[in-house]
Amino acid sequence: MKAMKYFMAAAMAIAFAACDNENEIGNEVYTPDEGEIQLVMVHPHQTRVTETSFESSDSISVYVTANDAVLQLAGNEVNNELFTYNGTSWTSGRKVYWNAGNHNVYAFYPYSKAVNDVVDYEFSVQTDQSTDWGYTHSDFLFASALDVTASANPVAMQFAHKMSNVIVNLEKGENFEGVIPANAEVYLLSTVPQAVIDLSTGDAAKDNYGAEAAIRCRQVSNTQYQAIVVPQSLTSRRPLVEVVIGDVSYLMEGKISYRPGMRHTISVTLDQNPEQIKIEIGGSIEGWN
């Protein structure tokens, strides 16, 4: 998934009807069976129905229940079915079909074969997000379509971010000489990387039994770093950000509330003396979705 695309979400009023109910797969045209469940996964940053921020081989977990039924670990109409994107369309690991009546569809990314609880599903962000893999595999996306009926056209699943996104900007103070080195390391501190998620709503919270850890951020530019964290509040003054430049470590304390689906900006003003640094918490909070 292309993690650096930050565009406005597509309007859901756009029609997703496939031409004559056919999907192109590679050089072939795939015609689904009558009553087969077909889904279109809409990324939070998708701009048009002809474009997508999902990449080929991305996989998603899908559940389907009767509209008056509670999502369960097993016994649903569809249980944790694997849907995979081939670059053109989404196909299920095995063919699944609509039952009679109305239905609720739930989906989340990334796909997980091991789901042991649908009320408190365990998910963890990566503690090393300095690589593209570590960053993208820390993102948790959720979508649901409620009270839908069987249709020959695909059901649109509009995904939303359920973790929090953090941008750390490094700025030069009056006494900082030269330029900020390109090889700085930035860490987010005092957060619990484990989450529990309700797969019927996508609501995520930190695991109260999880241990705090340092999360290494990915580098966006010489002065900007980024990471994904589990939504949680640090209500007492705690170590929040560490910046390592060569053999000098800058440690900043503060309080912050990481909110689901939001992007937080933390500005750090560096000084030659590590004891004379400044930090601005929550200088900017905006919707990540």
C-alpha atoms as a PDB file:
ATOM      1  CA  MET A   1       0.000   0.000   0.000  1.00  0.00           C
ATOM      2  CA  LYS A   2       1.354   3.431  -0.896  1.00  0.00           C
ATOM      3  CA  ALA A   3       1.717   5.009   2.503  1.00  0.00           C
ATOM      4  CA  MET A   4       2.734   8.472   1.298  1.00  0.00           C
ATOM      5  CA  LYS A   5      -0.429   9.318  -0.675  1.00  0.00           C
ATOM      6  CA  TYR A   6      -2.340  11.877   1.370  1.00  0.00           C
ATOM      7  CA  PHE A   7      -5.329  12.904  -0.687  1.00  0.00           C
ATOM      8  CA  MET A   8      -8.962  13.592   0.113  1.00  0.00           C
ATOM      9  CA  ALA A   9     -11.182  10.516   0.389  1.00  0.00           C
ATOM     10  CA  ALA A  10     -13.450   9.737  -2.536  1.00  0.00           C
ATOM     11  CA  ALA A  11     -17.132  10.641  -2.323  1.00  0.00           C
ATOM     12  CA  MET A  12     -19.119   7.509  -1.806  1.00  0.00           C
ATOM     13  CA  ALA A  13     -21.836   8.702  -4.136  1.00  0.00           C
ATOM     14  CA  ILE A  14     -19.694   7.605  -7.096  1.00  0.00           C
ATOM     15  CA  ALA A  15     -21.125   4.503  -8.712  1.00  0.00           C
ATOM     16  CA  PHE A  16     -19.023   1.362  -8.574  1.00  0.00           C
ATOM     17  CA  ALA A  17     -20.954  -0.660 -11.128  1.00  0.00           C
ATOM     18  CA  ALA A  18     -18.711  -2.899 -13.188  1.00  0.00           C
ATOM     19  CA  CYS A  19     -19.312  -2.846 -16.917  1.00  0.00           C
ATOM     20  CA  ASP A  20     -21.761  -5.667 -17.610  1.00  0.00           C
ATOM     21  CA  ASN A  21     -20.733  -7.118 -14.242  1.00  0.00           C
ATOM     22  CA  GLU A  22     -17.320  -8.111 -15.586  1.00  0.00           C
ATOM     23  CA  ASN A  23     -13.938  -7.484 -13.946  1.00  0.00           C
ATOM     24  CA  GLU A  24     -10.704  -7.453 -15.854  1.00  0.00           C
ATOM     25  CA  ILE A  25      -8.048  -9.676 -14.261  1.00  0.00           C
ATOM     26  CA  GLY A  26      -4.729  -9.362 -16.011  1.00  0.00           C
ATOM     27  CA  ASN A  27      -5.513  -9.932 -19.682  1.00  0.00           C
ATOM     28  CA  GLU A  28      -8.628 -11.957 -18.932  1.00  0.00           C
ATOM     29  CA  VAL A  29     -12.183 -10.889 -18.163  1.00  0.00           C
ATOM     30  CA  TYR A  30     -13.655 -12.482 -15.049  1.00  0.00           C
ATOM     31  CA  THR A  31     -17.427 -12.862 -14.873  1.00  0.00           C
ATOM     32  CA  PRO A  32     -18.609 -13.644 -11.331  1.00  0.00           C
ATOM     33  CA  ASP A  33     -21.220 -16.311 -10.709  1.00  0.00           C
ATOM     34  CA  GLU A  34     -24.783 -15.273 -10.007  1.00  0.00           C
ATOM     35  CA  GLY A  35     -25.039 -14.391  -6.312  1.00  0.00           C
ATOM     36  CA  GLU A  36     -21.274 -14.284  -5.802  1.00  0.00           C
ATOM     37  CA  ILE A  37     -20.096 -11.660  -3.322  1.00  0.00           C
ATOM     38  CA  GLN A  38     -18.142  -8.904  -5.072  1.00  0.00           C
ATOM     39  CA  LEU A  39     -16.497  -6.033  -3.177  1.00  0.00           C
ATOM     40  CA  VAL A  40     -14.662  -2.832  -4.109  1.00  0.00           C
ATOM     41  CA  MET A  41     -12.197  -1.675  -1.441  1.00  0.00           C
ATOM     42  CA  VAL A  42     -11.921   2.131  -1.272  1.00  0.00           C
ATOM     43  CA  HIS A  43      -8.724   3.368   0.358  1.00  0.00           C
ATOM     44  CA  PRO A  44      -8.998   6.415   2.680  1.00  0.00           C
ATOM     45  CA  HIS A  45      -6.876   8.456   0.244  1.00  0.00           C
ATOM     46  CA  GLN A  46      -8.516   7.300  -2.973  1.00  0.00           C
ATOM     47  CA  THR A  47      -9.413  10.205  -5.249  1.00  0.00           C
ATOM     48  CA  ARG A  48     -11.346   8.556  -8.089  1.00  0.00           C
ATOM     49  CA  VAL A  49     -12.934   5.167  -8.682  1.00  0.00           C
ATOM     50  CA  THR A  50     -10.413   4.562 -11.469  1.00  0.00           C
ATOM     51  CA  GLU A  51      -7.471   4.967  -9.073  1.00  0.00           C
ATOM     52  CA  THR A  52      -6.548   3.251  -5.858  1.00  0.00           C
ATOM     53  CA  SER A  53      -3.960   3.527  -3.121  1.00  0.00           C
ATOM     54  CA  PHE A  54      -4.034  -0.213  -2.587  1.00  0.00           C
ATOM     55  CA  GLU A  55      -1.296  -2.123  -4.372  1.00  0.00           C
ATOM     56  CA  SER A  56      -1.257  -5.467  -6.097  1.00  0.00           C
ATOM     57  CA  SER A  57      -1.096  -8.382  -3.616  1.00  0.00           C
ATOM     58  CA  ASP A  58      -2.602  -6.356  -0.744  1.00  0.00           C
ATOM     59  CA  SER A  59      -4.912  -8.625   1.274  1.00  0.00           C
ATOM     60  CA  ILE A  60      -7.956  -7.906   3.432  1.00  0.00           C
ATOM     61  CA  SER A  61     -10.025  -9.909   5.924  1.00  0.00           C
ATOM     62  CA  VAL A  62     -13.785  -9.968   5.262  1.00  0.00           C
ATOM     63  CA  TYR A  63     -16.740 -11.057   7.415  1.00  0.00           C
ATOM     64  CA  VAL A  64     -20.419 -11.142   6.424  1.00  0.00           C
ATOM     65  CA  THR A  65     -23.352 -11.578   8.808  1.00  0.00           C
ATOM     66  CA  ALA A  66     -27.120 -11.355   8.563  1.00  0.00           C
ATOM     67  CA  ASN A  67     -28.078  -7.736   9.265  1.00  0.00           C
ATOM     68  CA  ASP A  68     -29.762  -8.668  12.558  1.00  0.00           C
ATOM     69  CA  ALA A  69     -26.911 -10.898  13.745  1.00  0.00           C
ATOM     70  CA  VAL A  70     -23.954 -10.037  15.984  1.00  0.00           C
ATOM     71  CA  LEU A  71     -20.485 -10.558  14.511  1.00  0.00           C
ATOM     72  CA  GLN A  72     -18.968 -13.698  15.993  1.00  0.00           C
ATOM     73  CA  LEU A  73     -15.639 -15.480  15.798  1.00  0.00           C
ATOM     74  CA  ALA A  74     -17.278 -18.297  13.817  1.00  0.00           C
ATOM     75  CA  GLY A  75     -20.729 -19.126  12.524  1.00  0.00           C
ATOM     76  CA  ASN A  76     -21.118 -15.983  10.405  1.00  0.00           C
ATOM     77  CA  GLU A  77     -22.244 -16.164   6.790  1.00  0.00           C
ATOM     78  CA  VAL A  78     -18.622 -15.475   5.779  1.00  0.00           C
ATOM     79  CA  ASN A  79     -15.796 -15.964   8.273  1.00  0.00           C
ATOM     80  CA  ASN A  80     -12.496 -14.116   7.834  1.00  0.00           C
ATOM     81  CA  GLU A  81     -12.393 -14.621   4.077  1.00  0.00           C
ATOM     82  CA  LEU A  82      -9.207 -13.563   2.319  1.00  0.00           C
ATOM     83  CA  PHE A  83      -9.736 -10.959  -0.425  1.00  0.00           C
ATOM     84  CA  THR A  84      -6.656 -10.077  -2.495  1.00  0.00           C
ATOM     85  CA  TYR A  85      -6.051  -7.202  -4.901  1.00  0.00           C
ATOM     86  CA  ASN A  86      -4.484  -8.180  -8.224  1.00  0.00           C
ATOM     87  CA  GLY A  87      -3.918  -4.646  -9.458  1.00  0.00           C
ATOM     88  CA  THR A  88      -7.355  -4.402 -11.089  1.00  0.00           C
ATOM     89  CA  SER A  89      -9.952  -5.999  -8.843  1.00  0.00           C
ATOM     90  CA  TRP A  90     -10.435  -7.841  -5.551  1.00  0.00           C
ATOM     91  CA  THR A  91     -11.059 -11.589  -5.532  1.00  0.00           C
ATOM     92  CA  SER A  92     -11.763 -13.935  -2.657  1.00  0.00           C
ATOM     93  CA  GLY A  93      -9.627 -16.935  -1.821  1.00  0.00           C
ATOM     94  CA  ARG A  94     -12.631 -19.122  -2.513  1.00  0.00           C
ATOM     95  CA  LYS A  95     -15.945 -18.174  -4.037  1.00  0.00           C
ATOM     96  CA  VAL A  96     -18.442 -16.880  -1.476  1.00  0.00           C
ATOM     97  CA  TYR A  97     -22.121 -16.176  -2.119  1.00  0.00           C
ATOM     98  CA  TRP A  98     -24.885 -14.012  -0.713  1.00  0.00           C
ATOM     99  CA  ASN A  99     -27.590 -15.640   1.377  1.00  0.00           C
ATOM    100  CA  ALA A 100     -31.164 -14.395   1.211  1.00  0.00           C
ATOM    101  CA  GLY A 101     -32.066 -11.211   3.061  1.00  0.00           C
ATOM    102  CA  ASN A 102     -29.986  -8.242   4.175  1.00  0.00           C
ATOM    103  CA  HIS A 103     -26.413  -8.386   5.389  1.00  0.00           C
ATOM    104  CA  ASN A 104     -23.602  -6.569   7.188  1.00  0.00           C
ATOM    105  CA  VAL A 105     -20.115  -6.669   5.687  1.00  0.00           C
ATOM    106  CA  TYR A 106     -16.991  -5.974   7.760  1.00  0.00           C
ATOM    107  CA  ALA A 107     -13.443  -5.749   6.443  1.00  0.00           C
ATOM    108  CA  PHE A 108     -10.008  -4.843   7.765  1.00  0.00           C
ATOM    109  CA  TYR A 109      -6.453  -4.418   6.508  1.00  0.00           C
ATOM    110  CA  PRO A 110      -3.968  -6.009   6.841  1.00  0.00           C
ATOM    111  CA  TYR A 111      -5.368  -9.522   6.488  1.00  0.00           C
ATOM    112  CA  SER A 112      -4.760 -11.833   9.422  1.00  0.00           C
ATOM    113  CA  LYS A 113      -5.289 -15.574   9.338  1.00  0.00           C
ATOM    114  CA  ALA A 114      -5.105 -15.783  13.126  1.00  0.00           C
ATOM    115  CA  VAL A 115      -8.156 -13.994  14.537  1.00  0.00           C
ATOM    116  CA  ASN A 116      -8.881 -15.260  18.047  1.00  0.00           C
ATOM    117  CA  ASP A 117     -11.370 -12.597  19.148  1.00  0.00           C
ATOM    118  CA  VAL A 118     -13.652 -10.269  17.162  1.00  0.00           C
ATOM    119  CA  VAL A 119     -14.384  -7.983  20.130  1.00  0.00           C
ATOM    120  CA  ASP A 120     -10.795  -7.603  21.342  1.00  0.00           C
ATOM    121  CA  TYR A 121      -8.789  -8.427  18.241  1.00  0.00           C
ATOM    122  CA  GLU A 122      -5.077  -8.014  18.979  1.00  0.00           C
ATOM    123  CA  PHE A 123      -3.051  -5.806  16.658  1.00  0.00           C
ATOM    124  CA  SER A 124       0.393  -4.262  17.087  1.00  0.00           C
ATOM    125  CA  VAL A 125       2.182  -1.443  15.317  1.00  0.00           C
ATOM    126  CA  GLN A 126       5.818  -2.081  14.443  1.00  0.00           C
ATOM    127  CA  THR A 127       8.434  -0.673  16.804  1.00  0.00           C
ATOM    128  CA  ASP A 128      10.808  -0.113  13.873  1.00  0.00           C
ATOM    129  CA  GLN A 129       8.976   1.983  11.303  1.00  0.00           C
ATOM    130  CA  SER A 130      12.123   3.360   9.687  1.00  0.00           C
ATOM    131  CA  THR A 131      11.468   1.071   6.697  1.00  0.00           C
ATOM    132  CA  ASP A 132       8.511   1.180   4.304  1.00  0.00           C
ATOM    133  CA  TRP A 133       7.520  -2.323   5.411  1.00  0.00           C
ATOM    134  CA  GLY A 134       7.524  -1.409   9.095  1.00  0.00           C
ATOM    135  CA  TYR A 135       5.494   1.722   8.480  1.00  0.00           C
ATOM    136  CA  THR A 136       2.838   0.290   6.151  1.00  0.00           C
ATOM    137  CA  HIS A 137       2.345  -2.811   8.300  1.00  0.00           C
ATOM    138  CA  SER A 138       1.574  -0.560  11.267  1.00  0.00           C
ATOM    139  CA  ASP A 139      -1.502   0.879   9.560  1.00  0.00           C
ATOM    140  CA  PHE A 140      -4.887  -0.631  10.447  1.00  0.00           C
ATOM    141  CA  LEU A 141      -7.768   0.138   8.085  1.00  0.00           C
ATOM    142  CA  PHE A 142     -11.411  -0.741   8.728  1.00  0.00           C
ATOM    143  CA  ALA A 143     -14.587  -0.628   6.635  1.00  0.00           C
ATOM    144  CA  SER A 144     -18.171  -1.760   7.015  1.00  0.00           C
ATOM    145  CA  ALA A 145     -21.289  -1.779   4.839  1.00  0.00           C
ATOM    146  CA  LEU A 146     -24.469  -2.351   6.834  1.00  0.00           C
ATOM    147  CA  ASP A 147     -27.888  -3.615   5.777  1.00  0.00           C
ATOM    148  CA  VAL A 148     -26.900  -4.375   2.186  1.00  0.00           C
ATOM    149  CA  THR A 149     -28.714  -6.759  -0.136  1.00  0.00           C
ATOM    150  CA  ALA A 150     -27.379  -9.155  -2.726  1.00  0.00           C
ATOM    151  CA  SER A 151     -26.515  -7.289  -5.898  1.00  0.00           C
ATOM    152  CA  ALA A 152     -24.952  -7.995  -9.256  1.00  0.00           C
ATOM    153  CA  ASN A 153     -22.755  -4.934  -8.659  1.00  0.00           C
ATOM    154  CA  PRO A 154     -19.840  -4.855  -6.187  1.00  0.00           C
ATOM    155  CA  VAL A 155     -20.451  -3.443  -2.718  1.00  0.00           C
ATOM    156  CA  ALA A 156     -18.259  -0.402  -1.989  1.00  0.00           C
ATOM    157  CA  MET A 157     -16.235  -0.665   1.222  1.00  0.00           C
ATOM    158  CA  GLN A 158     -14.955   2.768   2.349  1.00  0.00           C
ATOM    159  CA  PHE A 159     -11.932   2.254   4.583  1.00  0.00           C
ATOM    160  CA  ALA A 160     -10.733   4.544   7.367  1.00  0.00           C
ATOM    161  CA  HIS A 161      -7.540   4.729   9.425  1.00  0.00           C
ATOM    162  CA  LYS A 162      -8.023   3.513  12.997  1.00  0.00           C
ATOM    163  CA  MET A 163      -4.519   4.197  14.295  1.00  0.00           C
ATOM    164  CA  SER A 164      -2.976   7.645  14.903  1.00  0.00           C
ATOM    165  CA  ASN A 165      -0.402   9.259  12.622  1.00  0.00           C
ATOM    166  CA  VAL A 166       2.394  11.387  14.072  1.00  0.00           C
ATOM    167  CA  ILE A 167       4.607  13.879  12.223  1.00  0.00           C
ATOM    168  CA  VAL A 168       7.756  15.114  13.985  1.00  0.00           C
ATOM    169  CA  ASN A 169       9.304  18.280  12.546  1.00  0.00           C
ATOM    170  CA  LEU A 170      12.871  19.170  13.539  1.00  0.00           C
ATOM    171  CA  GLU A 171      13.606  22.896  13.621  1.00  0.00           C
ATOM    172  CA  LYS A 172      16.785  24.850  14.260  1.00  0.00           C
ATOM    173  CA  GLY A 173      17.001  26.996  17.365  1.00  0.00           C
ATOM    174  CA  GLU A 174      18.880  30.300  17.491  1.00  0.00           C
ATOM    175  CA  ASN A 175      22.040  28.646  18.796  1.00  0.00           C
ATOM    176  CA  PHE A 176      22.004  25.598  16.536  1.00  0.00           C
ATOM    177  CA  GLU A 177      24.919  25.915  14.139  1.00  0.00           C
ATOM    178  CA  GLY A 178      24.964  24.478  10.637  1.00  0.00           C
ATOM    179  CA  VAL A 179      22.183  22.320   9.204  1.00  0.00           C
ATOM    180  CA  ILE A 180      20.228  19.506  10.795  1.00  0.00           C
ATOM    181  CA  PRO A 181      22.028  16.296   9.755  1.00  0.00           C
ATOM    182  CA  ALA A 182      20.256  13.964   7.342  1.00  0.00           C
ATOM    183  CA  ASN A 183      21.059  10.912   9.485  1.00  0.00           C
ATOM    184  CA  ALA A 184      19.179  11.865  12.653  1.00  0.00           C
ATOM    185  CA  GLU A 185      17.150   9.160  14.360  1.00  0.00           C
ATOM    186  CA  VAL A 186      13.766  10.024  15.886  1.00  0.00           C
ATOM    187  CA  TYR A 187      11.849   7.881  18.373  1.00  0.00           C
ATOM    188  CA  LEU A 188       8.378   8.194  19.887  1.00  0.00           C
ATOM    189  CA  LEU A 189       8.473   7.144  23.528  1.00  0.00           C
ATOM    190  CA  SER A 190       6.121   5.987  26.288  1.00  0.00           C
ATOM    191  CA  THR A 191       3.457   4.450  24.019  1.00  0.00           C
ATOM    192  CA  VAL A 192       2.008   0.948  24.100  1.00  0.00           C
ATOM    193  CA  PRO A 193       2.330  -0.582  20.596  1.00  0.00           C
ATOM    194  CA  GLN A 194      -0.333  -3.240  21.225  1.00  0.00           C
ATOM    195  CA  ALA A 195      -4.002  -2.524  20.525  1.00  0.00           C
ATOM    196  CA  VAL A 196      -7.317  -4.307  20.957  1.00  0.00           C
ATOM    197  CA  ILE A 197      -9.907  -3.674  18.232  1.00  0.00           C
ATOM    198  CA  ASP A 198     -13.632  -4.352  17.945  1.00  0.00           C
ATOM    199  CA  LEU A 199     -13.987  -5.800  14.439  1.00  0.00           C
ATOM    200  CA  SER A 200     -17.664  -4.818  14.207  1.00  0.00           C
ATOM    201  CA  THR A 201     -16.922  -1.092  14.645  1.00  0.00           C
ATOM    202  CA  GLY A 202     -13.189  -0.689  14.094  1.00  0.00           C
ATOM    203  CA  ASP A 203     -12.845   1.004  17.498  1.00  0.00           C
ATOM    204  CA  ALA A 204      -9.261   0.640  18.700  1.00  0.00           C
ATOM    205  CA  ALA A 205      -7.700   1.182  22.123  1.00  0.00           C
ATOM    206  CA  LYS A 206      -4.361   0.400  23.670  1.00  0.00           C
ATOM    207  CA  ASP A 207      -3.960  -2.993  25.304  1.00  0.00           C
ATOM    208  CA  ASN A 208      -3.964  -2.268  29.025  1.00  0.00           C
ATOM    209  CA  TYR A 209      -1.665  -5.248  29.510  1.00  0.00           C
ATOM    210  CA  GLY A 210       0.816  -4.120  26.879  1.00  0.00           C
ATOM    211  CA  ALA A 211       4.269  -2.789  27.727  1.00  0.00           C
ATOM    212  CA  GLU A 212       5.496   0.624  26.636  1.00  0.00           C
ATOM    213  CA  ALA A 213       8.114   0.702  23.885  1.00  0.00           C
ATOM    214  CA  ALA A 214      10.100   3.143  21.777  1.00  0.00           C
ATOM    215  CA  ILE A 215       8.948   3.451  18.145  1.00  0.00           C
ATOM    216  CA  ARG A 216      11.564   4.452  15.594  1.00  0.00           C
ATOM    217  CA  CYS A 217      10.081   6.836  13.015  1.00  0.00           C
ATOM    218  CA  ARG A 218      10.515   6.726   9.249  1.00  0.00           C
ATOM    219  CA  GLN A 219      12.365   9.609   7.639  1.00  0.00           C
ATOM    220  CA  VAL A 220      10.311  11.725   5.231  1.00  0.00           C
ATOM    221  CA  SER A 221      12.932  14.447   4.707  1.00  0.00           C
ATOM    222  CA  ASN A 222      16.023  15.789   6.482  1.00  0.00           C
ATOM    223  CA  THR A 223      13.800  17.539   9.011  1.00  0.00           C
ATOM    224  CA  GLN A 224      10.570  15.519   9.046  1.00  0.00           C
ATOM    225  CA  TYR A 225       9.834  12.095  10.503  1.00  0.00           C
ATOM    226  CA  GLN A 226       6.674  10.029  10.747  1.00  0.00           C
ATOM    227  CA  ALA A 227       5.204   7.079  12.651  1.00  0.00           C
ATOM    228  CA  ILE A 228       1.917   5.307  13.353  1.00  0.00           C
ATOM    229  CA  VAL A 229       0.879   4.754  16.956  1.00  0.00           C
ATOM    230  CA  VAL A 230      -1.994   3.125  18.788  1.00  0.00           C
ATOM    231  CA  PRO A 231      -4.590   5.701  19.980  1.00  0.00           C
ATOM    232  CA  GLN A 232      -3.935   6.489  23.651  1.00  0.00           C
ATOM    233  CA  SER A 233      -3.567   9.373  26.068  1.00  0.00           C
ATOM    234  CA  LEU A 234      -0.476  10.276  28.049  1.00  0.00           C
ATOM    235  CA  THR A 235      -2.057  12.410  30.769  1.00  0.00           C
ATOM    236  CA  SER A 236       1.038  12.930  32.913  1.00  0.00           C
ATOM    237  CA  ARG A 237       4.315  14.473  31.834  1.00  0.00           C
ATOM    238  CA  ARG A 238       6.345  11.689  30.194  1.00  0.00           C
ATOM    239  CA  PRO A 239       9.296  11.316  27.807  1.00  0.00           C
ATOM    240  CA  LEU A 240       7.649  11.735  24.384  1.00  0.00           C
ATOM    241  CA  VAL A 241      10.293  12.200  21.706  1.00  0.00           C
ATOM    242  CA  GLU A 242      13.972  11.348  21.461  1.00  0.00           C
ATOM    243  CA  VAL A 243      16.163  12.765  18.702  1.00  0.00           C
ATOM    244  CA  VAL A 244      19.597  11.192  18.247  1.00  0.00           C
ATOM    245  CA  ILE A 245      22.157  13.141  16.214  1.00  0.00           C
ATOM    246  CA  GLY A 246      25.569  11.513  16.231  1.00  0.00           C
ATOM    247  CA  ASP A 247      26.543  11.004  19.847  1.00  0.00           C
ATOM    248  CA  VAL A 248      24.076  13.600  21.141  1.00  0.00           C
ATOM    249  CA  SER A 249      20.606  12.592  22.367  1.00  0.00           C
ATOM    250  CA  TYR A 250      17.809  15.158  22.738  1.00  0.00           C
ATOM    251  CA  LEU A 251      15.023  13.952  25.040  1.00  0.00           C
ATOM    252  CA  MET A 252      11.719  15.822  25.249  1.00  0.00           C
ATOM    253  CA  GLU A 253       8.898  15.418  27.759  1.00  0.00           C
ATOM    254  CA  GLY A 254       5.241  16.370  27.596  1.00  0.00           C
ATOM    255  CA  LYS A 255       1.605  15.244  27.557  1.00  0.00           C
ATOM    256  CA  ILE A 256      -0.415  14.253  24.515  1.00  0.00           C
ATOM    257  CA  SER A 257      -3.555  12.420  23.413  1.00  0.00           C
ATOM    258  CA  TYR A 258      -3.168  10.386  20.228  1.00  0.00           C
ATOM    259  CA  ARG A 259      -6.593  10.235  18.578  1.00  0.00           C
ATOM    260  CA  PRO A 260      -7.787   7.552  16.131  1.00  0.00           C
ATOM    261  CA  GLY A 261      -7.852   8.568  12.485  1.00  0.00           C
ATOM    262  CA  MET A 262      -6.040  11.836  13.215  1.00  0.00           C
ATOM    263  CA  ARG A 263      -2.623  13.207  12.273  1.00  0.00           C
ATOM    264  CA  HIS A 264      -0.662  14.963  15.033  1.00  0.00           C
ATOM    265  CA  THR A 265       2.262  17.281  14.415  1.00  0.00           C
ATOM    266  CA  ILE A 266       5.018  17.655  17.013  1.00  0.00           C
ATOM    267  CA  SER A 267       7.583  20.401  16.458  1.00  0.00           C
ATOM    268  CA  VAL A 268      10.984  20.048  18.098  1.00  0.00           C
ATOM    269  CA  THR A 269      13.341  23.046  18.228  1.00  0.00           C
ATOM    270  CA  LEU A 270      16.935  21.891  18.604  1.00  0.00           C
ATOM    271  CA  ASP A 271      19.743  23.767  20.338  1.00  0.00           C
ATOM    272  CA  GLN A 272      23.462  23.093  20.583  1.00  0.00           C
ATOM    273  CA  ASN A 273      22.866  22.349  24.251  1.00  0.00           C
ATOM    274  CA  PRO A 274      20.576  19.295  24.636  1.00  0.00           C
ATOM    275  CA  GLU A 275      19.318  20.842  27.883  1.00  0.00           C
ATOM    276  CA  GLN A 276      17.916  23.863  26.028  1.00  0.00           C
ATOM    277  CA  ILE A 277      15.510  22.333  23.550  1.00  0.00           C
ATOM    278  CA  LYS A 278      11.874  23.209  23.027  1.00  0.00           C
ATOM    279  CA  ILE A 279       8.950  21.051  21.972  1.00  0.00           C
ATOM    280  CA  GLU A 280       5.486  22.025  20.789  1.00  0.00           C
ATOM    281  CA  ILE A 281       2.934  19.281  21.313  1.00  0.00           C
ATOM    282  CA  GLY A 282      -0.141  19.102  19.173  1.00  0.00           C
ATOM    283  CA  GLY A 283       0.858  22.169  17.206  1.00  0.00           C
ATOM    284  CA  SER A 284      -1.391  20.748  14.474  1.00  0.00           C
ATOM    285  CA  ILE A 285      -4.123  18.127  14.581  1.00  0.00           C
ATOM    286  CA  GLU A 286      -5.942  17.213  11.387  1.00  0.00           C
ATOM    287  CA  GLY A 287      -7.928  14.352   9.966  1.00  0.00           C
ATOM    288  CA  TRP A 288      -5.767  11.556   8.602  1.00  0.00           C
ATOM    289  CA  ASN A 289      -8.729  10.122   6.698  1.00  0.00           C
END
